[in-house]
Amino acid sequence: MPFHHVGRVDEIPPGRTKYYTVEGKPVLLANWRGVIYALSGICPHRGYPLEDALLWDHLVDCPWHHFQYDVRTGENY
């Protein structure tokens, strides 16, 4: 996928996430300690959208069933 501008860094404060749709694909941006991570906006466990997902330390928490995975590696916890 080519580079796409979706927003400004200051729109995603540290410890927060923001959900976007880019070329029809859901994308979740997560700001952990000032580093922005771009992830699939779909939970890999059940396929639900990660809109309103929470960030607990370095873990994205699915708002549907609390499946958690590491923003740095994608590993499930």
N, C-alpha and C. Protein backbone atom coordinates (compact mmCIF):
# COMPACT_ATOMS: atom_id res chain seq x y z
N MET A 1 0.85 -1.16 0.00
CA MET A 1 0.00 0.00 0.00
C MET A 1 0.90 1.23 0.00
N PRO A 2 0.63 2.21 -0.84
CA PRO A 2 1.43 3.43 -0.85
C PRO A 2 1.16 4.28 0.39
N PHE A 3 2.01 5.26 0.60
CA PHE A 3 1.87 6.18 1.72
C PHE A 3 0.57 6.97 1.58
N HIS A 4 -0.15 7.14 2.69
CA HIS A 4 -1.38 7.94 2.73
C HIS A 4 -1.34 8.83 3.96
N HIS A 5 -1.67 10.10 3.75
CA HIS A 5 -1.81 11.02 4.88
C HIS A 5 -3.22 10.84 5.43
N VAL A 6 -3.33 10.49 6.71
CA VAL A 6 -4.66 10.30 7.31
C VAL A 6 -4.94 11.29 8.43
N GLY A 7 -3.93 11.94 8.94
CA GLY A 7 -4.14 12.89 10.03
C GLY A 7 -2.82 13.39 10.56
N ARG A 8 -2.91 14.19 11.60
CA ARG A 8 -1.71 14.74 12.23
C ARG A 8 -1.37 13.93 13.48
N VAL A 9 -0.10 13.88 13.79
CA VAL A 9 0.38 13.15 14.96
C VAL A 9 -0.29 13.66 16.23
N ASP A 10 -0.50 14.98 16.32
CA ASP A 10 -1.09 15.53 17.55
C ASP A 10 -2.56 15.14 17.72
N GLU A 11 -3.16 14.51 16.73
CA GLU A 11 -4.54 14.01 16.84
C GLU A 11 -4.60 12.67 17.58
N ILE A 12 -3.43 12.06 17.79
CA ILE A 12 -3.35 10.78 18.49
C ILE A 12 -2.37 10.94 19.65
N PRO A 13 -2.86 11.35 20.81
CA PRO A 13 -1.97 11.54 21.96
C PRO A 13 -1.35 10.22 22.41
N PRO A 14 -0.21 10.27 23.10
CA PRO A 14 0.39 9.05 23.63
C PRO A 14 -0.62 8.26 24.46
N GLY A 15 -0.62 6.94 24.26
CA GLY A 15 -1.52 6.07 24.97
C GLY A 15 -2.90 5.95 24.36
N ARG A 16 -3.08 6.48 23.16
CA ARG A 16 -4.40 6.46 22.50
C ARG A 16 -4.31 5.82 21.12
N THR A 17 -5.48 5.49 20.57
CA THR A 17 -5.58 4.94 19.22
C THR A 17 -6.55 5.78 18.41
N LYS A 18 -6.45 5.65 17.10
CA LYS A 18 -7.39 6.32 16.20
C LYS A 18 -7.63 5.39 15.02
N TYR A 19 -8.90 5.23 14.65
CA TYR A 19 -9.33 4.31 13.60
C TYR A 19 -9.58 5.10 12.32
N TYR A 20 -9.08 4.58 11.20
CA TYR A 20 -9.27 5.20 9.90
C TYR A 20 -9.65 4.14 8.88
N THR A 21 -10.17 4.59 7.76
CA THR A 21 -10.37 3.71 6.60
C THR A 21 -9.54 4.30 5.48
N VAL A 22 -8.64 3.49 4.92
CA VAL A 22 -7.75 3.92 3.85
C VAL A 22 -7.95 2.99 2.66
N GLU A 23 -8.36 3.57 1.55
CA GLU A 23 -8.67 2.78 0.35
C GLU A 23 -9.61 1.62 0.67
N GLY A 24 -10.59 1.89 1.51
CA GLY A 24 -11.57 0.88 1.88
C GLY A 24 -11.10 -0.14 2.90
N LYS A 25 -9.89 0.03 3.41
CA LYS A 25 -9.34 -0.91 4.39
C LYS A 25 -9.24 -0.25 5.76
N PRO A 26 -9.70 -0.92 6.82
CA PRO A 26 -9.61 -0.35 8.16
C PRO A 26 -8.18 -0.38 8.68
N VAL A 27 -7.77 0.75 9.26
CA VAL A 27 -6.41 0.90 9.79
C VAL A 27 -6.53 1.49 11.20
N LEU A 28 -5.75 0.98 12.11
CA LEU A 28 -5.70 1.53 13.46
C LEU A 28 -4.31 2.11 13.68
N LEU A 29 -4.26 3.36 14.08
CA LEU A 29 -2.99 3.97 14.48
C LEU A 29 -2.96 4.03 15.99
N ALA A 30 -1.83 3.64 16.56
CA ALA A 30 -1.67 3.62 18.01
C ALA A 30 -0.41 4.40 18.37
N ASN A 31 -0.52 5.27 19.35
CA ASN A 31 0.62 6.05 19.81
C ASN A 31 1.07 5.48 21.14
N TRP A 32 2.15 4.76 21.11
CA TRP A 32 2.74 4.21 22.33
C TRP A 32 4.08 4.87 22.57
N ARG A 33 4.16 5.65 23.64
CA ARG A 33 5.38 6.37 24.02
C ARG A 33 5.91 7.28 22.92
N GLY A 34 4.99 7.90 22.18
CA GLY A 34 5.38 8.84 21.14
C GLY A 34 5.70 8.22 19.80
N VAL A 35 5.63 6.90 19.69
CA VAL A 35 5.86 6.21 18.42
C VAL A 35 4.49 5.80 17.88
N ILE A 36 4.24 6.13 16.61
CA ILE A 36 2.97 5.79 15.97
C ILE A 36 3.13 4.45 15.26
N TYR A 37 2.24 3.52 15.59
CA TYR A 37 2.21 2.20 14.96
C TYR A 37 0.95 2.10 14.10
N ALA A 38 1.09 1.62 12.89
CA ALA A 38 -0.05 1.39 12.00
C ALA A 38 -0.34 -0.11 11.97
N LEU A 39 -1.58 -0.44 12.28
CA LEU A 39 -2.00 -1.84 12.38
C LEU A 39 -3.27 -2.05 11.58
N SER A 40 -3.58 -3.28 11.32
CA SER A 40 -4.88 -3.59 10.73
C SER A 40 -5.96 -3.09 11.68
N GLY A 41 -7.01 -2.52 11.14
CA GLY A 41 -8.12 -2.04 11.95
C GLY A 41 -9.13 -3.12 12.26
N ILE A 42 -8.79 -4.37 11.97
CA ILE A 42 -9.67 -5.51 12.23
C ILE A 42 -9.00 -6.42 13.26
N CYS A 43 -9.74 -6.80 14.28
CA CYS A 43 -9.22 -7.70 15.29
C CYS A 43 -8.87 -9.05 14.65
N PRO A 44 -7.64 -9.52 14.82
CA PRO A 44 -7.24 -10.79 14.21
C PRO A 44 -7.92 -12.01 14.84
N HIS A 45 -8.54 -11.85 15.98
CA HIS A 45 -9.17 -12.96 16.68
C HIS A 45 -10.56 -13.27 16.13
N ARG A 46 -11.41 -12.25 16.03
CA ARG A 46 -12.79 -12.48 15.60
C ARG A 46 -13.20 -11.67 14.38
N GLY A 47 -12.32 -10.79 13.91
CA GLY A 47 -12.63 -10.02 12.70
C GLY A 47 -13.50 -8.79 12.92
N TYR A 48 -13.62 -8.34 14.16
CA TYR A 48 -14.41 -7.14 14.45
C TYR A 48 -13.56 -5.89 14.24
N PRO A 49 -14.20 -4.75 13.91
CA PRO A 49 -13.43 -3.52 13.76
C PRO A 49 -12.87 -3.04 15.10
N LEU A 50 -11.69 -2.45 15.06
CA LEU A 50 -11.02 -1.98 16.27
C LEU A 50 -11.29 -0.51 16.56
N GLU A 51 -12.36 0.02 16.01
CA GLU A 51 -12.75 1.39 16.32
C GLU A 51 -13.01 1.48 17.82
N ASP A 52 -12.50 2.49 18.47
CA ASP A 52 -12.60 2.69 19.92
C ASP A 52 -11.76 1.71 20.73
N ALA A 53 -10.78 1.06 20.10
CA ALA A 53 -9.87 0.18 20.84
C ALA A 53 -9.07 1.00 21.84
N LEU A 54 -8.78 0.38 22.97
CA LEU A 54 -7.96 1.03 24.00
C LEU A 54 -6.53 0.54 23.89
N LEU A 55 -5.62 1.36 24.40
CA LEU A 55 -4.21 0.99 24.44
C LEU A 55 -3.81 0.90 25.91
N TRP A 56 -3.46 -0.28 26.36
CA TRP A 56 -3.00 -0.52 27.72
C TRP A 56 -1.51 -0.81 27.64
N ASP A 57 -0.71 0.18 28.06
CA ASP A 57 0.73 0.09 27.90
C ASP A 57 1.02 -0.11 26.41
N HIS A 58 1.55 -1.24 25.99
CA HIS A 58 1.85 -1.48 24.57
C HIS A 58 0.86 -2.47 23.94
N LEU A 59 -0.28 -2.70 24.61
CA LEU A 59 -1.25 -3.67 24.12
C LEU A 59 -2.52 -2.99 23.64
N VAL A 60 -2.93 -3.33 22.42
CA VAL A 60 -4.23 -2.91 21.92
C VAL A 60 -5.27 -3.86 22.50
N ASP A 61 -6.35 -3.29 23.02
CA ASP A 61 -7.42 -4.08 23.62
C ASP A 61 -8.67 -3.95 22.75
N CYS A 62 -9.12 -5.06 22.16
CA CYS A 62 -10.29 -5.05 21.29
C CYS A 62 -11.52 -4.63 22.11
N PRO A 63 -12.30 -3.65 21.61
CA PRO A 63 -13.46 -3.19 22.36
C PRO A 63 -14.61 -4.21 22.39
N TRP A 64 -14.55 -5.24 21.58
CA TRP A 64 -15.63 -6.22 21.49
C TRP A 64 -15.50 -7.35 22.50
N HIS A 65 -14.27 -7.86 22.67
CA HIS A 65 -14.12 -9.02 23.56
C HIS A 65 -12.76 -9.05 24.26
N HIS A 66 -12.07 -7.94 24.27
CA HIS A 66 -10.83 -7.73 25.03
C HIS A 66 -9.67 -8.64 24.61
N PHE A 67 -9.68 -9.09 23.36
CA PHE A 67 -8.50 -9.74 22.80
C PHE A 67 -7.40 -8.68 22.78
N GLN A 68 -6.21 -9.00 23.26
CA GLN A 68 -5.13 -8.02 23.32
C GLN A 68 -3.93 -8.49 22.51
N TYR A 69 -3.29 -7.53 21.83
CA TYR A 69 -2.06 -7.86 21.12
C TYR A 69 -1.11 -6.69 21.13
N ASP A 70 0.15 -7.01 21.03
CA ASP A 70 1.26 -6.06 21.15
C ASP A 70 1.36 -5.20 19.89
N VAL A 71 1.37 -3.87 20.05
CA VAL A 71 1.46 -2.98 18.89
C VAL A 71 2.82 -3.10 18.19
N ARG A 72 3.83 -3.57 18.92
CA ARG A 72 5.18 -3.66 18.35
C ARG A 72 5.36 -4.91 17.52
N THR A 73 4.70 -6.01 17.91
CA THR A 73 4.97 -7.29 17.25
C THR A 73 3.73 -7.97 16.69
N GLY A 74 2.53 -7.57 17.16
CA GLY A 74 1.30 -8.23 16.76
C GLY A 74 1.00 -9.48 17.58
N GLU A 75 1.90 -9.83 18.50
CA GLU A 75 1.73 -11.03 19.31
C GLU A 75 0.53 -10.91 20.24
N ASN A 76 -0.23 -12.00 20.38
CA ASN A 76 -1.39 -12.05 21.27
C ASN A 76 -0.97 -12.29 22.70
N TYR A 77 -1.72 -11.66 23.64
CA TYR A 77 -1.48 -11.86 25.08
C TYR A 77 -2.73 -12.33 25.76
